[in-house]
């Protein structure tokens, strides 16, 4: 029991380093899975050695059905992007992503920027805008991975 208390005590002392993973919901599953299975465990280990707690935020599992029904997908995504600042990974491929019919967010100052850009952008585009375009200083901590179209074609052919 002493070891468990010591482990919990040490875990509380670690500073979180959160990274947001963005891509369209119907694309890049293999790439996200690779990050989760192979890359992030290594990062967790390296961070722990520096008294940091690595947290990957992948909203494939983070937006509940209830939140989706209540129209809270956009604000959940943008809030998580903000909590992960300045760390952001954008996985971009052939899809543009879901464009919400309107930006349903609470009437709060952190969402005011949505009023100035118009209602024709995908959730993925808005995540990128929140993470990097609104604050160019964070761009040095953002990583974008682009899928080659011929690879996407091969992958699409294998799925069919």
N, C-alpha and C. Protein backbone atom coordinates (compact mmCIF):
# COMPACT_ATOMS: atom_id res chain seq x y z
N UNK A 1 0.82 -1.18 0.00
CA UNK A 1 0.00 0.00 0.00
C UNK A 1 0.87 1.26 0.00
N UNK A 2 2.00 1.24 0.64
CA UNK A 2 2.90 2.37 0.67
C UNK A 2 3.35 2.76 -0.72
N UNK A 3 3.63 1.76 -1.59
CA UNK A 3 4.06 2.02 -2.97
C UNK A 3 2.96 2.74 -3.76
N UNK A 4 1.69 2.31 -3.57
CA UNK A 4 0.57 2.93 -4.29
C UNK A 4 0.45 4.40 -3.91
N UNK A 5 0.55 4.72 -2.63
CA UNK A 5 0.45 6.11 -2.19
C UNK A 5 1.60 6.92 -2.76
N UNK A 6 2.81 6.33 -2.77
CA UNK A 6 3.98 7.01 -3.31
C UNK A 6 3.80 7.27 -4.81
N UNK A 7 3.27 6.29 -5.54
CA UNK A 7 3.03 6.43 -6.97
C UNK A 7 2.01 7.53 -7.23
N UNK A 8 0.91 7.54 -6.47
CA UNK A 8 -0.10 8.59 -6.64
C UNK A 8 0.48 9.96 -6.32
N UNK A 9 1.28 10.03 -5.30
CA UNK A 9 1.91 11.29 -4.92
C UNK A 9 2.83 11.79 -6.03
N UNK A 10 3.62 10.90 -6.61
CA UNK A 10 4.51 11.28 -7.71
C UNK A 10 3.72 11.71 -8.94
N UNK A 11 2.62 11.01 -9.24
CA UNK A 11 1.80 11.34 -10.41
C UNK A 11 1.23 12.75 -10.29
N UNK A 12 0.86 13.15 -9.08
CA UNK A 12 0.29 14.49 -8.89
C UNK A 12 1.34 15.57 -9.10
N UNK A 13 2.59 15.25 -8.94
CA UNK A 13 3.64 16.23 -9.09
C UNK A 13 4.02 16.45 -10.56
N UNK A 14 3.60 15.57 -11.44
CA UNK A 14 3.93 15.70 -12.85
C UNK A 14 3.10 16.82 -13.48
N UNK A 15 3.73 17.59 -14.32
CA UNK A 15 3.05 18.66 -15.04
C UNK A 15 2.52 18.10 -16.36
N UNK A 16 1.27 18.37 -16.66
CA UNK A 16 0.67 17.86 -17.89
C UNK A 16 1.23 18.55 -19.12
N UNK A 17 1.43 17.76 -20.17
CA UNK A 17 1.73 18.25 -21.51
C UNK A 17 0.69 17.59 -22.41
N UNK A 18 -0.29 18.37 -22.80
CA UNK A 18 -1.41 17.86 -23.60
C UNK A 18 -1.17 18.18 -25.07
N UNK A 19 -1.49 17.23 -25.93
CA UNK A 19 -1.39 17.46 -27.38
C UNK A 19 -2.73 17.06 -28.01
N UNK A 20 -3.24 17.92 -28.86
CA UNK A 20 -4.50 17.69 -29.54
C UNK A 20 -4.22 17.08 -30.91
N UNK A 21 -4.94 16.00 -31.23
CA UNK A 21 -4.80 15.35 -32.53
C UNK A 21 -6.04 15.68 -33.35
N UNK A 22 -5.84 16.30 -34.50
CA UNK A 22 -6.95 16.75 -35.33
C UNK A 22 -6.90 16.06 -36.69
N UNK A 23 -8.03 15.58 -37.11
CA UNK A 23 -8.24 15.12 -38.49
C UNK A 23 -9.73 14.98 -38.67
N UNK A 24 -10.16 14.76 -39.89
CA UNK A 24 -11.58 14.52 -40.09
C UNK A 24 -11.95 13.22 -39.40
N UNK A 25 -13.19 13.10 -38.98
CA UNK A 25 -13.61 11.92 -38.23
C UNK A 25 -13.62 10.65 -39.06
N UNK A 26 -13.76 10.77 -40.37
CA UNK A 26 -13.84 9.59 -41.24
C UNK A 26 -12.53 9.28 -41.96
N UNK A 27 -11.47 9.92 -41.56
CA UNK A 27 -10.21 9.80 -42.26
C UNK A 27 -9.09 9.58 -41.25
N UNK A 28 -8.00 9.09 -41.69
CA UNK A 28 -6.76 9.01 -40.90
C UNK A 28 -6.83 8.09 -39.67
N UNK A 29 -7.68 7.10 -39.69
CA UNK A 29 -7.77 6.19 -38.55
C UNK A 29 -6.48 5.41 -38.35
N UNK A 30 -5.88 4.94 -39.43
CA UNK A 30 -4.64 4.16 -39.31
C UNK A 30 -3.52 5.03 -38.74
N UNK A 31 -3.47 6.28 -39.18
CA UNK A 31 -2.43 7.18 -38.70
C UNK A 31 -2.61 7.50 -37.22
N UNK A 32 -3.85 7.77 -36.81
CA UNK A 32 -4.14 8.03 -35.39
C UNK A 32 -3.82 6.80 -34.55
N UNK A 33 -4.21 5.64 -35.05
CA UNK A 33 -3.94 4.40 -34.30
C UNK A 33 -2.44 4.18 -34.14
N UNK A 34 -1.66 4.47 -35.17
CA UNK A 34 -0.21 4.32 -35.08
C UNK A 34 0.36 5.25 -34.01
N UNK A 35 -0.10 6.48 -33.99
CA UNK A 35 0.36 7.42 -32.96
C UNK A 35 0.02 6.89 -31.57
N UNK A 36 -1.21 6.44 -31.38
CA UNK A 36 -1.67 5.97 -30.07
C UNK A 36 -0.93 4.72 -29.62
N UNK A 37 -0.66 3.81 -30.55
CA UNK A 37 -0.03 2.54 -30.17
C UNK A 37 1.48 2.60 -30.04
N UNK A 38 2.14 3.40 -30.88
CA UNK A 38 3.60 3.35 -30.94
C UNK A 38 4.30 4.65 -30.53
N UNK A 39 3.83 5.76 -31.04
CA UNK A 39 4.52 7.03 -30.81
C UNK A 39 4.24 7.57 -29.41
N UNK A 40 2.98 7.62 -29.03
CA UNK A 40 2.63 8.23 -27.75
C UNK A 40 3.15 7.47 -26.53
N UNK A 41 3.17 6.13 -26.53
CA UNK A 41 3.77 5.45 -25.38
C UNK A 41 5.24 5.84 -25.18
N UNK A 42 5.96 5.98 -26.28
CA UNK A 42 7.36 6.42 -26.20
C UNK A 42 7.44 7.84 -25.64
N UNK A 43 6.57 8.73 -26.11
CA UNK A 43 6.55 10.10 -25.59
C UNK A 43 6.19 10.14 -24.11
N UNK A 44 5.24 9.29 -23.71
CA UNK A 44 4.87 9.22 -22.28
C UNK A 44 6.09 8.84 -21.43
N UNK A 45 6.83 7.87 -21.90
CA UNK A 45 8.01 7.41 -21.17
C UNK A 45 9.06 8.52 -21.10
N UNK A 46 9.31 9.16 -22.20
CA UNK A 46 10.31 10.24 -22.22
C UNK A 46 9.88 11.42 -21.34
N UNK A 47 8.60 11.75 -21.42
CA UNK A 47 8.09 12.86 -20.60
C UNK A 47 8.18 12.52 -19.11
N UNK A 48 7.82 11.30 -18.75
CA UNK A 48 7.87 10.90 -17.35
C UNK A 48 9.28 11.07 -16.78
N UNK A 49 10.28 10.78 -17.60
CA UNK A 49 11.66 10.96 -17.17
C UNK A 49 12.02 12.42 -16.93
N UNK A 50 11.18 13.31 -17.43
CA UNK A 50 11.39 14.76 -17.23
C UNK A 50 10.33 15.35 -16.31
N UNK A 51 9.66 14.48 -15.56
CA UNK A 51 8.59 14.87 -14.62
C UNK A 51 7.44 15.58 -15.33
N UNK A 52 7.10 15.08 -16.51
CA UNK A 52 5.97 15.58 -17.28
C UNK A 52 5.00 14.44 -17.53
N UNK A 53 3.74 14.75 -17.59
CA UNK A 53 2.70 13.76 -17.88
C UNK A 53 2.16 14.05 -19.27
N UNK A 54 2.44 13.17 -20.23
CA UNK A 54 2.00 13.35 -21.62
C UNK A 54 0.56 12.87 -21.75
N UNK A 55 -0.31 13.73 -22.28
CA UNK A 55 -1.72 13.40 -22.47
C UNK A 55 -2.07 13.67 -23.93
N UNK A 56 -2.49 12.64 -24.64
CA UNK A 56 -2.95 12.83 -26.01
C UNK A 56 -4.47 12.97 -26.00
N UNK A 57 -4.95 13.97 -26.70
CA UNK A 57 -6.38 14.24 -26.76
C UNK A 57 -6.87 13.90 -28.16
N UNK A 58 -7.58 12.79 -28.24
CA UNK A 58 -8.11 12.29 -29.50
C UNK A 58 -9.62 12.22 -29.33
N UNK A 59 -10.33 13.16 -29.92
CA UNK A 59 -11.76 13.25 -29.70
C UNK A 59 -12.59 12.23 -30.46
N UNK A 60 -11.93 11.26 -31.09
CA UNK A 60 -12.72 10.16 -31.64
C UNK A 60 -13.49 9.49 -30.50
N UNK A 61 -12.92 9.56 -29.30
CA UNK A 61 -13.54 8.92 -28.14
C UNK A 61 -14.04 9.94 -27.13
N UNK A 62 -13.87 11.23 -27.40
CA UNK A 62 -14.12 12.23 -26.38
C UNK A 62 -15.42 13.00 -26.50
N UNK A 63 -16.11 12.93 -27.62
CA UNK A 63 -17.38 13.63 -27.77
C UNK A 63 -18.48 12.59 -27.59
N UNK A 64 -19.28 12.79 -26.57
CA UNK A 64 -20.34 11.82 -26.28
C UNK A 64 -21.52 12.01 -27.23
N UNK A 65 -22.34 10.99 -27.34
CA UNK A 65 -23.55 11.08 -28.15
C UNK A 65 -24.47 12.18 -27.65
N UNK A 66 -24.53 12.33 -26.33
CA UNK A 66 -25.36 13.36 -25.72
C UNK A 66 -24.86 14.76 -26.10
N UNK A 67 -23.54 14.97 -26.06
CA UNK A 67 -22.98 16.27 -26.47
C UNK A 67 -23.26 16.55 -27.93
N UNK A 68 -23.16 15.51 -28.77
CA UNK A 68 -23.44 15.68 -30.19
C UNK A 68 -24.90 16.07 -30.40
N UNK A 69 -25.81 15.39 -29.70
CA UNK A 69 -27.24 15.70 -29.81
C UNK A 69 -27.55 17.12 -29.34
N UNK A 70 -26.81 17.60 -28.36
CA UNK A 70 -27.03 18.95 -27.82
C UNK A 70 -26.31 20.02 -28.64
N UNK A 71 -25.65 19.62 -29.73
CA UNK A 71 -24.96 20.58 -30.58
C UNK A 71 -23.70 21.15 -29.95
N UNK A 72 -23.04 20.37 -29.09
CA UNK A 72 -21.86 20.86 -28.38
C UNK A 72 -20.54 20.37 -28.97
N UNK A 73 -20.57 19.75 -30.12
CA UNK A 73 -19.35 19.19 -30.70
C UNK A 73 -18.30 20.27 -30.93
N UNK A 74 -18.71 21.39 -31.52
CA UNK A 74 -17.76 22.45 -31.85
C UNK A 74 -17.12 23.03 -30.59
N UNK A 75 -17.91 23.38 -29.59
CA UNK A 75 -17.29 23.97 -28.40
C UNK A 75 -16.46 22.97 -27.62
N UNK A 76 -16.84 21.69 -27.62
CA UNK A 76 -15.99 20.68 -26.97
C UNK A 76 -14.64 20.61 -27.68
N UNK A 77 -14.68 20.56 -29.02
CA UNK A 77 -13.43 20.49 -29.79
C UNK A 77 -12.56 21.72 -29.56
N UNK A 78 -13.14 22.90 -29.67
CA UNK A 78 -12.36 24.13 -29.53
C UNK A 78 -11.82 24.30 -28.10
N UNK A 79 -12.61 23.90 -27.11
CA UNK A 79 -12.14 23.98 -25.72
C UNK A 79 -10.95 23.06 -25.51
N UNK A 80 -11.00 21.86 -26.09
CA UNK A 80 -9.88 20.93 -25.94
C UNK A 80 -8.65 21.42 -26.68
N UNK A 81 -8.84 22.00 -27.86
CA UNK A 81 -7.71 22.58 -28.60
C UNK A 81 -7.04 23.63 -27.71
N UNK A 82 -7.84 24.47 -27.10
CA UNK A 82 -7.31 25.54 -26.25
C UNK A 82 -6.57 24.97 -25.04
N UNK A 83 -7.11 23.93 -24.42
CA UNK A 83 -6.46 23.31 -23.25
C UNK A 83 -5.12 22.68 -23.61
N UNK A 84 -4.95 22.31 -24.87
CA UNK A 84 -3.71 21.66 -25.31
C UNK A 84 -2.67 22.64 -25.81
N UNK A 85 -3.01 23.91 -25.89
CA UNK A 85 -2.07 24.89 -26.41
C UNK A 85 -0.73 24.81 -25.70
N UNK A 86 0.35 24.86 -26.41
CA UNK A 86 0.51 25.15 -27.84
C UNK A 86 0.67 23.89 -28.69
N UNK A 87 0.41 22.71 -28.13
CA UNK A 87 0.73 21.47 -28.84
C UNK A 87 -0.46 20.96 -29.65
N UNK A 88 -0.21 20.75 -30.95
CA UNK A 88 -1.27 20.39 -31.88
C UNK A 88 -0.68 19.55 -33.00
N UNK A 89 -1.38 18.45 -33.33
CA UNK A 89 -1.01 17.62 -34.48
C UNK A 89 -2.20 17.60 -35.43
N UNK A 90 -1.97 18.05 -36.65
CA UNK A 90 -3.01 18.02 -37.67
C UNK A 90 -2.69 16.96 -38.71
N UNK A 91 -3.61 16.02 -38.89
CA UNK A 91 -3.46 14.96 -39.88
C UNK A 91 -4.41 15.30 -41.03
N UNK A 92 -3.85 15.62 -42.17
CA UNK A 92 -4.67 16.09 -43.29
C UNK A 92 -4.53 15.16 -44.48
N UNK A 93 -5.67 14.85 -45.08
CA UNK A 93 -5.68 13.95 -46.23
C UNK A 93 -6.63 14.46 -47.30
N UNK A 94 -7.45 13.57 -47.80
CA UNK A 94 -8.32 13.87 -48.93
C UNK A 94 -9.63 14.54 -48.52
N UNK A 95 -10.04 14.44 -47.30
CA UNK A 95 -11.33 14.97 -46.87
C UNK A 95 -11.19 16.35 -46.25
N UNK A 96 -12.26 17.15 -46.39
CA UNK A 96 -12.29 18.46 -45.76
C UNK A 96 -12.95 18.40 -44.39
N UNK A 97 -13.85 17.48 -44.24
CA UNK A 97 -14.51 17.31 -42.95
C UNK A 97 -15.92 17.87 -42.92
N UNK A 98 -16.57 17.63 -41.81
CA UNK A 98 -17.95 18.02 -41.58
C UNK A 98 -18.06 19.53 -41.40
N UNK A 99 -18.94 20.17 -42.17
CA UNK A 99 -19.20 21.59 -42.03
C UNK A 99 -20.51 21.73 -41.26
N UNK A 100 -20.43 22.27 -40.05
CA UNK A 100 -21.68 22.42 -39.29
C UNK A 100 -22.61 23.44 -39.95
N UNK A 101 -23.92 23.21 -39.89
CA UNK A 101 -24.86 24.15 -40.52
C UNK A 101 -24.77 25.55 -39.89
N UNK A 102 -24.42 25.60 -38.62
CA UNK A 102 -24.18 26.87 -37.94
C UNK A 102 -23.21 26.59 -36.80
N UNK A 103 -22.57 27.63 -36.34
CA UNK A 103 -21.62 27.47 -35.23
C UNK A 103 -22.38 27.63 -33.92
N UNK A 104 -22.79 26.50 -33.36
CA UNK A 104 -23.50 26.52 -32.09
C UNK A 104 -22.49 26.45 -30.96
N UNK A 105 -22.21 27.59 -30.39
CA UNK A 105 -21.30 27.68 -29.25
C UNK A 105 -21.92 28.64 -28.24
N UNK A 106 -21.52 28.53 -26.98
CA UNK A 106 -22.03 29.48 -25.98
C UNK A 106 -21.64 30.91 -26.35
N UNK A 107 -22.45 31.85 -25.95
CA UNK A 107 -22.16 33.26 -26.21
C UNK A 107 -21.13 33.74 -25.18
N UNK A 108 -19.88 33.34 -25.42
CA UNK A 108 -18.78 33.68 -24.52
C UNK A 108 -17.64 34.26 -25.35
N UNK A 109 -16.82 35.12 -24.73
CA UNK A 109 -15.77 35.82 -25.48
C UNK A 109 -14.80 34.92 -26.25
N UNK A 110 -14.49 33.73 -25.71
CA UNK A 110 -13.51 32.88 -26.40
C UNK A 110 -14.00 32.37 -27.75
N UNK A 111 -15.31 32.53 -28.03
CA UNK A 111 -15.85 32.09 -29.31
C UNK A 111 -16.19 33.25 -30.24
N UNK A 112 -15.92 34.47 -29.83
CA UNK A 112 -16.27 35.64 -30.65
C UNK A 112 -15.63 35.60 -32.03
N UNK A 113 -14.44 35.04 -32.15
CA UNK A 113 -13.75 34.99 -33.44
C UNK A 113 -14.56 34.24 -34.50
N UNK A 114 -15.43 33.32 -34.08
CA UNK A 114 -16.24 32.57 -35.04
C UNK A 114 -17.20 33.47 -35.81
N UNK A 115 -17.62 34.56 -35.17
CA UNK A 115 -18.55 35.49 -35.82
C UNK A 115 -17.92 36.17 -37.02
N UNK A 116 -16.61 36.32 -37.01
CA UNK A 116 -15.95 37.07 -38.08
C UNK A 116 -15.52 36.21 -39.27
N UNK A 117 -15.62 34.88 -39.16
CA UNK A 117 -15.12 34.06 -40.27
C UNK A 117 -16.21 33.40 -41.11
N UNK A 118 -17.45 33.51 -40.71
CA UNK A 118 -18.52 32.95 -41.52
C UNK A 118 -18.72 31.46 -41.30
N UNK A 119 -19.93 30.97 -41.57
CA UNK A 119 -20.31 29.59 -41.24
C UNK A 119 -20.07 28.57 -42.35
N UNK A 120 -18.90 28.57 -42.97
CA UNK A 120 -18.71 27.62 -44.06
C UNK A 120 -17.44 26.78 -43.91
N UNK A 121 -16.93 26.66 -42.70
CA UNK A 121 -15.69 25.92 -42.47
C UNK A 121 -15.97 24.61 -41.73
N UNK A 122 -15.13 23.62 -42.02
CA UNK A 122 -15.28 22.32 -41.37
C UNK A 122 -14.78 22.38 -39.92
N UNK A 123 -15.18 21.39 -39.14
CA UNK A 123 -14.69 21.30 -37.76
C UNK A 123 -13.17 21.23 -37.73
N UNK A 124 -12.60 20.46 -38.64
CA UNK A 124 -11.14 20.33 -38.70
C UNK A 124 -10.49 21.68 -39.00
N UNK A 125 -11.05 22.41 -39.95
CA UNK A 125 -10.53 23.74 -40.29
C UNK A 125 -10.60 24.66 -39.07
N UNK A 126 -11.70 24.61 -38.34
CA UNK A 126 -11.88 25.45 -37.16
C UNK A 126 -10.90 25.07 -36.05
N UNK A 127 -10.62 23.78 -35.90
CA UNK A 127 -9.62 23.35 -34.92
C UNK A 127 -8.25 23.93 -35.27
N UNK A 128 -7.90 23.87 -36.55
CA UNK A 128 -6.62 24.42 -37.01
C UNK A 128 -6.59 25.93 -36.80
N UNK A 129 -7.69 26.57 -37.11
CA UNK A 129 -7.77 28.02 -36.91
C UNK A 129 -7.56 28.36 -35.43
N UNK A 130 -8.22 27.65 -34.56
CA UNK A 130 -8.09 27.88 -33.11
C UNK A 130 -6.66 27.61 -32.64
N UNK A 131 -6.06 26.54 -33.12
CA UNK A 131 -4.74 26.13 -32.63
C UNK A 131 -3.60 26.98 -33.15
N UNK A 132 -3.66 27.39 -34.42
CA UNK A 132 -2.50 28.01 -35.05
C UNK A 132 -2.80 29.36 -35.69
N UNK A 133 -3.83 29.44 -36.47
CA UNK A 133 -4.06 30.65 -37.26
C UNK A 133 -4.42 31.87 -36.41
N UNK A 134 -5.10 31.64 -35.29
CA UNK A 134 -5.43 32.76 -34.40
C UNK A 134 -4.23 33.24 -33.61
N UNK A 135 -3.26 32.38 -33.44
CA UNK A 135 -2.07 32.73 -32.66
C UNK A 135 -0.84 32.16 -33.34
N UNK A 136 -0.30 32.86 -34.33
CA UNK A 136 0.84 32.34 -35.10
C UNK A 136 2.05 31.95 -34.25
N UNK A 137 2.18 32.51 -33.05
CA UNK A 137 3.32 32.15 -32.19
C UNK A 137 3.29 30.67 -31.81
N UNK A 138 2.11 30.06 -31.82
CA UNK A 138 2.02 28.64 -31.47
C UNK A 138 2.39 27.73 -32.63
N UNK A 139 2.57 28.29 -33.82
CA UNK A 139 2.84 27.46 -34.99
C UNK A 139 4.13 26.66 -34.87
N UNK A 140 5.06 27.12 -34.06
CA UNK A 140 6.31 26.37 -33.89
C UNK A 140 6.11 25.09 -33.07
N UNK A 141 4.98 24.99 -32.39
CA UNK A 141 4.68 23.80 -31.59
C UNK A 141 3.63 22.92 -32.26
N UNK A 142 3.22 23.28 -33.46
CA UNK A 142 2.23 22.50 -34.19
C UNK A 142 2.93 21.64 -35.24
N UNK A 143 2.37 20.47 -35.46
CA UNK A 143 2.91 19.55 -36.46
C UNK A 143 1.77 19.16 -37.39
N UNK A 144 2.00 19.30 -38.69
CA UNK A 144 1.01 18.89 -39.67
C UNK A 144 1.59 17.77 -40.51
N UNK A 145 0.83 16.71 -40.64
CA UNK A 145 1.22 15.57 -41.46
C UNK A 145 0.22 15.46 -42.60
N UNK A 146 0.74 15.47 -43.82
CA UNK A 146 -0.10 15.45 -45.00
C UNK A 146 0.00 14.09 -45.68
N UNK A 147 -1.13 13.51 -45.99
CA UNK A 147 -1.15 12.23 -46.66
C UNK A 147 -1.04 12.44 -48.16
N UNK A 148 -0.23 11.63 -48.81
CA UNK A 148 -0.09 11.73 -50.26
C UNK A 148 -1.33 11.15 -50.93
N UNK A 149 -1.79 11.82 -51.96
CA UNK A 149 -3.04 11.40 -52.60
C UNK A 149 -2.94 9.99 -53.17
N UNK A 150 -1.78 9.59 -53.72
CA UNK A 150 -1.69 8.24 -54.26
C UNK A 150 -1.79 7.19 -53.16
N UNK A 151 -1.31 7.52 -51.95
CA UNK A 151 -1.46 6.59 -50.83
C UNK A 151 -2.92 6.50 -50.42
N UNK A 152 -3.61 7.65 -50.40
CA UNK A 152 -5.03 7.65 -50.05
C UNK A 152 -5.81 6.82 -51.04
N UNK A 153 -5.45 6.90 -52.32
CA UNK A 153 -6.12 6.12 -53.34
C UNK A 153 -5.94 4.63 -53.12
N UNK A 154 -4.71 4.23 -52.76
CA UNK A 154 -4.45 2.82 -52.48
C UNK A 154 -5.27 2.37 -51.28
N UNK A 155 -5.32 3.21 -50.25
CA UNK A 155 -6.04 2.87 -49.05
C UNK A 155 -7.53 2.75 -49.35
N UNK A 156 -8.06 3.67 -50.16
CA UNK A 156 -9.48 3.64 -50.51
C UNK A 156 -9.81 2.38 -51.31
N UNK A 157 -8.90 1.99 -52.20
CA UNK A 157 -9.13 0.80 -53.02
C UNK A 157 -9.15 -0.44 -52.14
N UNK A 158 -8.28 -0.49 -51.10
CA UNK A 158 -8.24 -1.64 -50.22
C UNK A 158 -9.52 -1.74 -49.38
N UNK A 159 -10.12 -0.60 -49.03
CA UNK A 159 -11.33 -0.60 -48.20
C UNK A 159 -12.55 -1.06 -49.00
N UNK A 160 -12.54 -0.80 -50.30
CA UNK A 160 -13.73 -1.11 -51.12
C UNK A 160 -13.93 -2.59 -51.30
